[in-house]
PDB file of N, CA and C in Angstrom:
ATOM      1  N   UNK A   1      81.534-161.131-108.075  1.00  0.00           N
ATOM      2  CA  UNK A   1      82.779-160.275-107.733  1.00  0.00           C
ATOM      3  C   UNK A   1      83.084-159.221-108.087  1.00  0.00           C
ATOM      4  N   UNK A   2      82.796-158.726-108.996  1.00  0.00           N
ATOM      5  CA  UNK A   2      83.179-157.092-109.415  1.00  0.00           C
ATOM      6  C   UNK A   2      82.431-156.401-108.500  1.00  0.00           C
ATOM      7  N   UNK A   3      80.926-156.529-108.048  1.00  0.00           N
ATOM      8  CA  UNK A   3      80.509-155.360-106.867  1.00  0.00           C
ATOM      9  C   UNK A   3      81.541-155.560-105.802  1.00  0.00           C
ATOM     10  N   UNK A   4      82.166-156.645-105.407  1.00  0.00           N
ATOM     11  CA  UNK A   4      83.288-156.378-104.376  1.00  0.00           C
ATOM     12  C   UNK A   4      83.960-155.541-104.407  1.00  0.00           C
ATOM     13  N   UNK A   5      84.679-155.918-105.729  1.00  0.00           N
ATOM     14  CA  UNK A   5      85.988-154.833-105.909  1.00  0.00           C
ATOM     15  C   UNK A   5      85.684-152.826-106.207  1.00  0.00           C
ATOM     16  N   UNK A   6      84.475-152.890-106.744  1.00  0.00           N
ATOM     17  CA  UNK A   6      84.001-151.644-106.573  1.00  0.00           C
ATOM     18  C   UNK A   6      83.603-151.056-105.504  1.00  0.00           C
ATOM     19  N   UNK A   7      83.229-151.666-104.231  1.00  0.00           N
ATOM     20  CA  UNK A   7      82.384-151.549-103.160  1.00  0.00           C
ATOM     21  C   UNK A   7      83.914-151.119-102.255  1.00  0.00           C
ATOM     22  N   UNK A   8      85.136-152.162-102.445  1.00  0.00           N
ATOM     23  CA  UNK A   8      86.446-152.341-101.984  1.00  0.00           C
ATOM     24  C   UNK A   8      86.856-150.779-102.368  1.00  0.00           C
ATOM     25  N   UNK A   9      86.809-150.106-103.448  1.00  0.00           N
ATOM     26  CA  UNK A   9      87.146-148.666-103.993  1.00  0.00           C
ATOM     27  C   UNK A   9      86.080-147.208-103.561  1.00  0.00           C
ATOM     28  N   UNK A  10      85.019-147.660-103.829  1.00  0.00           N
ATOM     29  CA  UNK A  10      84.131-146.517-103.437  1.00  0.00           C
ATOM     30  C   UNK A  10      84.552-145.638-102.052  1.00  0.00           C
ATOM     31  N   UNK A  11      85.185-146.862-100.574  1.00  0.00           N
ATOM     32  CA  UNK A  11      85.220-145.951 -99.614  1.00  0.00           C
ATOM     33  C   UNK A  11      86.234-144.809 -99.506  1.00  0.00           C
ATOM     34  N   UNK A  12      87.588-145.715-100.157  1.00  0.00           N
ATOM     35  CA  UNK A  12      88.808-144.991 -99.891  1.00  0.00           C
ATOM     36  C   UNK A  12      88.541-143.719-100.844  1.00  0.00           C
ATOM     37  N   UNK A  13      87.814-143.705-102.016  1.00  0.00           N
ATOM     38  CA  UNK A  13      87.365-142.666-103.106  1.00  0.00           C
ATOM     39  C   UNK A  13      86.777-141.614-102.112  1.00  0.00           C
ATOM     40  N   UNK A  14      85.846-141.913-101.189  1.00  0.00           N
ATOM     41  CA  UNK A  14      84.639-141.242-100.569  1.00  0.00           C
ATOM     42  C   UNK A  14      85.579-140.375 -99.703  1.00  0.00           C
ATOM     43  N   UNK A  15      86.307-141.092 -99.067  1.00  0.00           N
ATOM     44  CA  UNK A  15      86.971-140.596 -97.650  1.00  0.00           C
ATOM     45  C   UNK A  15      87.818-139.586 -98.239  1.00  0.00           C
ATOM     46  N   UNK A  16      88.815-139.769 -99.518  1.00  0.00           N
ATOM     47  CA  UNK A  16      89.707-138.819-100.159  1.00  0.00           C
ATOM     48  C   UNK A  16      89.173-137.450-100.544  1.00  0.00           C
ATOM     49  N   UNK A  17      87.629-138.028-101.438  1.00  0.00           N
ATOM     50  CA  UNK A  17      86.792-136.566-102.154  1.00  0.00           C
ATOM     51  C   UNK A  17      86.429-136.054-100.837  1.00  0.00           C
ATOM     52  N   UNK A  18      86.118-136.495 -99.665  1.00  0.00           N
ATOM     53  CA  UNK A  18      85.420-135.390 -98.726  1.00  0.00           C
ATOM     54  C   UNK A  18      86.190-134.916 -97.920  1.00  0.00           C
ATOM     55  N   UNK A  19      87.738-135.675 -97.407  1.00  0.00           N
ATOM     56  CA  UNK A  19      88.561-135.604 -96.085  1.00  0.00           C
ATOM     57  C   UNK A  19      89.789-134.741 -96.735  1.00  0.00           C
ATOM     58  N   UNK A  20      90.711-135.996 -97.479  1.00  0.00           N
ATOM     59  CA  UNK A  20      91.470-135.300 -98.076  1.00  0.00           C
ATOM     60  C   UNK A  20      91.633-134.108 -99.273  1.00  0.00           C
ATOM     61  N   UNK A  21      90.889-134.463 -99.693  1.00  0.00           N
ATOM     62  CA  UNK A  21      91.069-133.101-101.163  1.00  0.00           C
ATOM     63  C   UNK A  21      91.324-131.785-100.841  1.00  0.00           C
ATOM     64  N   UNK A  22      90.086-131.669 -99.679  1.00  0.00           N
ATOM     65  CA  UNK A  22      89.367-130.288 -99.327  1.00  0.00           C
ATOM     66  C   UNK A  22      90.503-129.656 -98.662  1.00  0.00           C
ATOM     67  N   UNK A  23      91.452-130.590 -97.849  1.00  0.00           N
ATOM     68  CA  UNK A  23      92.211-130.077 -97.156  1.00  0.00           C
ATOM     69  C   UNK A  23      93.616-129.919 -97.916  1.00  0.00           C
ATOM     70  N   UNK A  24      94.131-130.728 -98.903  1.00  0.00           N
ATOM     71  CA  UNK A  24      95.068-130.587 -99.545  1.00  0.00           C
ATOM     72  C   UNK A  24      95.204-129.250-100.602  1.00  0.00           C
ATOM     73  N   UNK A  25      93.637-129.146-100.739  1.00  0.00           N
ATOM     74  CA  UNK A  25      93.818-127.611-101.792  1.00  0.00           C
ATOM     75  C   UNK A  25      93.755-126.695-100.829  1.00  0.00           C
ATOM     76  N   UNK A  26      93.235-126.495 -99.836  1.00  0.00           N
ATOM     77  CA  UNK A  26      93.499-124.998 -98.915  1.00  0.00           C
ATOM     78  C   UNK A  26      94.704-125.001 -98.963  1.00  0.00           C
ATOM     79  N   UNK A  27      95.779-126.083 -98.132  1.00  0.00           N
ATOM     80  CA  UNK A  27      97.134-125.894 -97.585  1.00  0.00           C
ATOM     81  C   UNK A  27      97.741-125.188 -99.454  1.00  0.00           C
ATOM     82  N   UNK A  28      97.544-125.928-100.366  1.00  0.00           N
ATOM     83  CA  UNK A  28      98.079-125.771-101.723  1.00  0.00           C
ATOM     84  C   UNK A  28      98.175-124.228-101.736  1.00  0.00           C
ATOM     85  N   UNK A  29      96.747-123.733-101.547  1.00  0.00           N
ATOM     86  CA  UNK A  29      96.521-122.048-102.049  1.00  0.00           C
ATOM     87  C   UNK A  29      96.799-121.345-100.925  1.00  0.00           C
ATOM     88  N   UNK A  30      97.099-121.790 -99.982  1.00  0.00           N
ATOM     89  CA  UNK A  30      97.334-120.645 -98.436  1.00  0.00           C
ATOM     90  C   UNK A  30      99.217-120.785 -98.947  1.00  0.00           C
ATOM     91  N   UNK A  31      99.779-122.007 -99.398  1.00  0.00           N
ATOM     92  CA  UNK A  31     101.229-121.862 -99.794  1.00  0.00           C
ATOM     93  C   UNK A  31     101.233-120.925-101.126  1.00  0.00           C
ATOM     94  N   UNK A  32     100.833-120.919-102.204  1.00  0.00           N
ATOM     95  CA  UNK A  32     100.869-120.067-103.057  1.00  0.00           C
ATOM     96  C   UNK A  32     100.528-118.672-102.878  1.00  0.00           C
ATOM     97  N   UNK A  33      99.970-118.794-101.824  1.00  0.00           N
ATOM     98  CA  UNK A  33      99.823-117.009-101.339  1.00  0.00           C
ATOM     99  C   UNK A  33     100.851-116.578-100.769  1.00  0.00           C
ATOM    100  N   UNK A  34     101.132-116.948 -99.808  1.00  0.00           N
ATOM    101  CA  UNK A  34     102.452-116.707 -99.330  1.00  0.00           C
ATOM    102  C   UNK A  34     103.742-116.484-100.355  1.00  0.00           C
ATOM    103  N   UNK A  35     103.787-117.486-101.122  1.00  0.00           N
ATOM    104  CA  UNK A  35     104.831-116.978-101.863  1.00  0.00           C
ATOM    105  C   UNK A  35     104.584-115.920-103.200  1.00  0.00           C
ATOM    106  N   UNK A  36     103.663-115.891-103.436  1.00  0.00           N
ATOM    107  CA  UNK A  36     103.178-114.594-104.152  1.00  0.00           C
ATOM    108  C   UNK A  36     103.005-113.044-103.524  1.00  0.00           C
ATOM    109  N   UNK A  37     103.455-112.868-102.181  1.00  0.00           N
ATOM    110  CA  UNK A  37     103.504-111.919-101.286  1.00  0.00           C
ATOM    111  C   UNK A  37     104.483-111.357-101.319  1.00  0.00           C
ATOM    112  N   UNK A  38     105.355-112.188-101.245  1.00  0.00           N
ATOM    113  CA  UNK A  38     106.929-111.769-101.789  1.00  0.00           C
ATOM    114  C   UNK A  38     107.182-111.780-100.226  1.00  0.00           C
ATOM    115  N   UNK A  39     108.066-110.831-100.061  1.00  0.00           N
ATOM    116  CA  UNK A  39     109.658-111.026 -98.850  1.00  0.00           C
ATOM    117  C   UNK A  39     108.493-110.252 -97.695  1.00  0.00           C
ATOM    118  N   UNK A  40     108.705-111.039 -96.548  1.00  0.00           N
ATOM    119  CA  UNK A  40     108.347-110.339 -95.366  1.00  0.00           C
ATOM    120  C   UNK A  40     109.333-108.936 -95.203  1.00  0.00           C
ATOM    121  N   UNK A  41     109.095-108.150 -94.304  1.00  0.00           N
ATOM    122  CA  UNK A  41     109.851-107.130 -93.285  1.00  0.00           C
ATOM    123  C   UNK A  41     110.625-107.786 -92.808  1.00  0.00           C
ATOM    124  N   UNK A  42     110.805-108.501 -92.347  1.00  0.00           N
ATOM    125  CA  UNK A  42     111.793-109.426 -91.455  1.00  0.00           C
ATOM    126  C   UNK A  42     112.911-109.976 -92.606  1.00  0.00           C
ATOM    127  N   UNK A  43     112.166-110.465 -93.777  1.00  0.00           N
ATOM    128  CA  UNK A  43     113.132-111.176 -94.593  1.00  0.00           C
ATOM    129  C   UNK A  43     114.039-109.896 -95.700  1.00  0.00           C
ATOM    130  N   UNK A  44     113.321-109.176 -95.755  1.00  0.00           N
ATOM    131  CA  UNK A  44     114.058-108.168 -96.483  1.00  0.00           C
ATOM    132  C   UNK A  44     114.869-107.358 -95.622  1.00  0.00           C
ATOM    133  N   UNK A  45     114.702-107.114 -94.222  1.00  0.00           N
ATOM    134  CA  UNK A  45     115.942-106.355 -93.579  1.00  0.00           C
ATOM    135  C   UNK A  45     117.078-107.276 -93.323  1.00  0.00           C
ATOM    136  N   UNK A  46     116.632-108.869 -93.424  1.00  0.00           N
ATOM    137  CA  UNK A  46     118.240-110.071 -93.012  1.00  0.00           C
ATOM    138  C   UNK A  46     118.863-109.656 -94.546  1.00  0.00           C
ATOM    139  N   UNK A  47     117.827-109.814 -95.820  1.00  0.00           N
ATOM    140  CA  UNK A  47     118.847-109.882 -97.006  1.00  0.00           C
ATOM    141  C   UNK A  47     119.752-108.412 -96.959  1.00  0.00           C
ATOM    142  N   UNK A  48     118.838-107.233 -96.452  1.00  0.00           N
ATOM    143  CA  UNK A  48     119.813-106.257 -96.537  1.00  0.00           C
ATOM    144  C   UNK A  48     120.676-106.255 -95.561  1.00  0.00           C
ATOM    145  N   UNK A  49     120.943-106.757 -94.484  1.00  0.00           N
ATOM    146  CA  UNK A  49     122.126-106.770 -93.500  1.00  0.00           C
ATOM    147  C   UNK A  49     122.973-107.830 -94.534  1.00  0.00           C
ATOM    148  N   UNK A  50     122.420-109.238 -95.048  1.00  0.00           N
ATOM    149  CA  UNK A  50     123.479-109.900 -95.907  1.00  0.00           C
ATOM    150  C   UNK A  50     124.222-109.679 -96.856  1.00  0.00           C
ATOM    151  N   UNK A  51     123.255-108.335 -97.403  1.00  0.00           N
ATOM    152  CA  UNK A  51     123.838-107.617 -98.898  1.00  0.00           C
ATOM    153  C   UNK A  51     125.270-106.748 -98.288  1.00  0.00           C
ATOM    154  N   UNK A  52     124.979-106.028 -96.794  1.00  0.00           N
ATOM    155  CA  UNK A  52     125.788-105.110 -96.510  1.00  0.00           C
ATOM    156  C   UNK A  52     127.284-106.051 -96.066  1.00  0.00           C
ATOM    157  N   UNK A  53     126.524-107.275 -95.412  1.00  0.00           N
ATOM    158  CA  UNK A  53     128.119-107.826 -95.162  1.00  0.00           C
ATOM    159  C   UNK A  53     128.802-108.596 -96.007  1.00  0.00           C
ATOM    160  N   UNK A  54     128.276-108.965 -96.885  1.00  0.00           N
ATOM    161  CA  UNK A  54     128.966-108.939 -98.623  1.00  0.00           C
ATOM    162  C   UNK A  54     129.583-108.108 -98.749  1.00  0.00           C
ATOM    163  N   UNK A  55     129.341-107.309 -99.237  1.00  0.00           N
ATOM    164  CA  UNK A  55     130.104-105.907 -99.357  1.00  0.00           C
ATOM    165  C   UNK A  55     131.153-105.425 -98.413  1.00  0.00           C
ATOM    166  N   UNK A  56     131.476-105.489 -97.290  1.00  0.00           N
ATOM    167  CA  UNK A  56     132.069-105.649 -96.120  1.00  0.00           C
ATOM    168  C   UNK A  56     133.285-106.737 -96.791  1.00  0.00           C
ATOM    169  N   UNK A  57     133.120-107.866 -97.040  1.00  0.00           N
ATOM    170  CA  UNK A  57     133.507-108.508 -96.975  1.00  0.00           C
ATOM    171  C   UNK A  57     134.525-108.913 -98.373  1.00  0.00           C
ATOM    172  N   UNK A  58     133.573-108.444 -99.698  1.00  0.00           N
ATOM    173  CA  UNK A  58     134.308-107.786-100.862  1.00  0.00           C
ATOM    174  C   UNK A  58     135.252-107.007-100.554  1.00  0.00           C
ATOM    175  N   UNK A  59     134.798-105.941 -99.716  1.00  0.00           N
ATOM    176  CA  UNK A  59     136.360-104.789 -99.175  1.00  0.00           C
ATOM    177  C   UNK A  59     137.218-105.346 -98.716  1.00  0.00           C
ATOM    178  N   UNK A  60     137.133-106.611 -97.861  1.00  0.00           N
ATOM    179  CA  UNK A  60     138.044-106.989 -97.116  1.00  0.00           C
ATOM    180  C   UNK A  60     139.150-107.593 -98.222  1.00  0.00           C
ATOM    181  N   UNK A  61     138.571-108.719 -98.763  1.00  0.00           N
ATOM    182  CA  UNK A  61     139.354-109.300 -99.846  1.00  0.00           C
ATOM    183  C   UNK A  61     140.057-108.461-100.860  1.00  0.00           C
ATOM    184  N   UNK A  62     139.619-107.715-101.204  1.00  0.00           N
ATOM    185  CA  UNK A  62     140.447-106.788-102.246  1.00  0.00           C
ATOM    186  C   UNK A  62     141.835-106.033-101.402  1.00  0.00           C
ATOM    187  N   UNK A  63     141.086-105.522 -99.711  1.00  0.00           N
ATOM    188  CA  UNK A  63     142.325-105.030 -99.313  1.00  0.00           C
ATOM    189  C   UNK A  63     143.461-106.084 -99.123  1.00  0.00           C
ATOM    190  N   UNK A  64     143.190-107.261 -98.661  1.00  0.00           N
ATOM    191  CA  UNK A  64     143.850-108.760 -98.395  1.00  0.00           C
ATOM    192  C   UNK A  64     144.455-108.791 -99.877  1.00  0.00           C
ATOM    193  N   UNK A  65     144.178-108.942-100.660  1.00  0.00           N
ATOM    194  CA  UNK A  65     144.743-109.208-102.201  1.00  0.00           C
ATOM    195  C   UNK A  65     145.643-108.417-102.451  1.00  0.00           C
ATOM    196  N   UNK A  66     145.644-106.750-102.051  1.00  0.00           N
ATOM    197  CA  UNK A  66     146.594-105.700-102.570  1.00  0.00           C
ATOM    198  C   UNK A  66     147.663-106.235-101.703  1.00  0.00           C
ATOM    199  N   UNK A  67     147.578-106.155-100.393  1.00  0.00           N
ATOM    200  CA  UNK A  67     148.918-106.849 -99.730  1.00  0.00           C
ATOM    201  C   UNK A  67     149.539-107.749 -99.758  1.00  0.00           C
ATOM    202  N   UNK A  68     148.662-109.049-100.383  1.00  0.00           N
ATOM    203  CA  UNK A  68     149.426-109.719-100.727  1.00  0.00           C
ATOM    204  C   UNK A  68     150.369-109.566-101.912  1.00  0.00           C
ATOM    205  N   UNK A  69     149.663-109.004-103.298  1.00  0.00           N
ATOM    206  CA  UNK A  69     150.256-108.551-104.336  1.00  0.00           C
ATOM    207  C   UNK A  69     151.393-107.969-103.941  1.00  0.00           C
ATOM    208  N   UNK A  70     151.626-106.934-103.102  1.00  0.00           N
ATOM    209  CA  UNK A  70     153.140-105.930-102.936  1.00  0.00           C
ATOM    210  C   UNK A  70     153.461-107.001-101.856  1.00  0.00           C
ATOM    211  N   UNK A  71     153.071-107.565-101.067  1.00  0.00           N
ATOM    212  CA  UNK A  71     154.324-108.467-100.335  1.00  0.00           C
ATOM    213  C   UNK A  71     154.720-109.874-100.828  1.00  0.00           C
ATOM    214  N   UNK A  72     153.840-110.395-101.739  1.00  0.00           N
ATOM    215  CA  UNK A  72     154.224-111.927-102.223  1.00  0.00           C
ATOM    216  C   UNK A  72     153.880-111.791-103.697  1.00  0.00           C
ATOM    217  N   UNK A  73     154.602-110.923-104.840  1.00  0.00           N
ATOM    218  CA  UNK A  73     154.066-111.309-106.051  1.00  0.00           C
ATOM    219  C   UNK A  73     152.934-112.336-106.616  1.00  0.00           C
ATOM    220  N   UNK A  74     153.860-113.360-106.313  1.00  0.00           N
ATOM    221  CA  UNK A  74     153.916-114.614-106.803  1.00  0.00           C
ATOM    222  C   UNK A  74     153.053-115.802-106.174  1.00  0.00           C
ATOM    223  N   UNK A  75     151.849-115.243-105.156  1.00  0.00           N
ATOM    224  CA  UNK A  75     150.771-116.012-104.254  1.00  0.00           C
ATOM    225  C   UNK A  75     150.167-116.497-105.382  1.00  0.00           C
ATOM    226  N   UNK A  76     149.581-115.711-106.374  1.00  0.00           N
ATOM    227  CA  UNK A  76     148.497-115.868-107.135  1.00  0.00           C
ATOM    228  C   UNK A  76     148.789-117.203-107.721  1.00  0.00           C
ATOM    229  N   UNK A  77     150.264-117.828-108.321  1.00  0.00           N
ATOM    230  CA  UNK A  77     150.673-118.710-109.249  1.00  0.00           C
ATOM    231  C   UNK A  77     150.409-119.783-108.791  1.00  0.00           C
ATOM    232  N   UNK A  78     150.500-120.307-106.871  1.00  0.00           N
ATOM    233  CA  UNK A  78     150.809-120.789-106.500  1.00  0.00           C
ATOM    234  C   UNK A  78     149.735-121.749-106.209  1.00  0.00           C
ATOM    235  N   UNK A  79     148.463-121.483-106.219  1.00  0.00           N
ATOM    236  CA  UNK A  79     147.494-122.029-106.096  1.00  0.00           C
ATOM    237  C   UNK A  79     147.096-123.014-107.403  1.00  0.00           C
TER     238      UNK A  79
END
């Protein structure tokens, strides 16, 4: 009976070792390589554009707060 259980387990272990494990390792190290390379030129450009937009929004918010401070001084206490 033990030989039957061992026989049942040997086939999946062989399939895993021959097919699944090598593909798994290849994909794993390929993704590690992509992560270690850092940002692509396109990603860097997108990040730069987002930083510029955030700076513009920050300036607009400061302007709006200044306008509200002059026209409705108690607006900060309402929230």
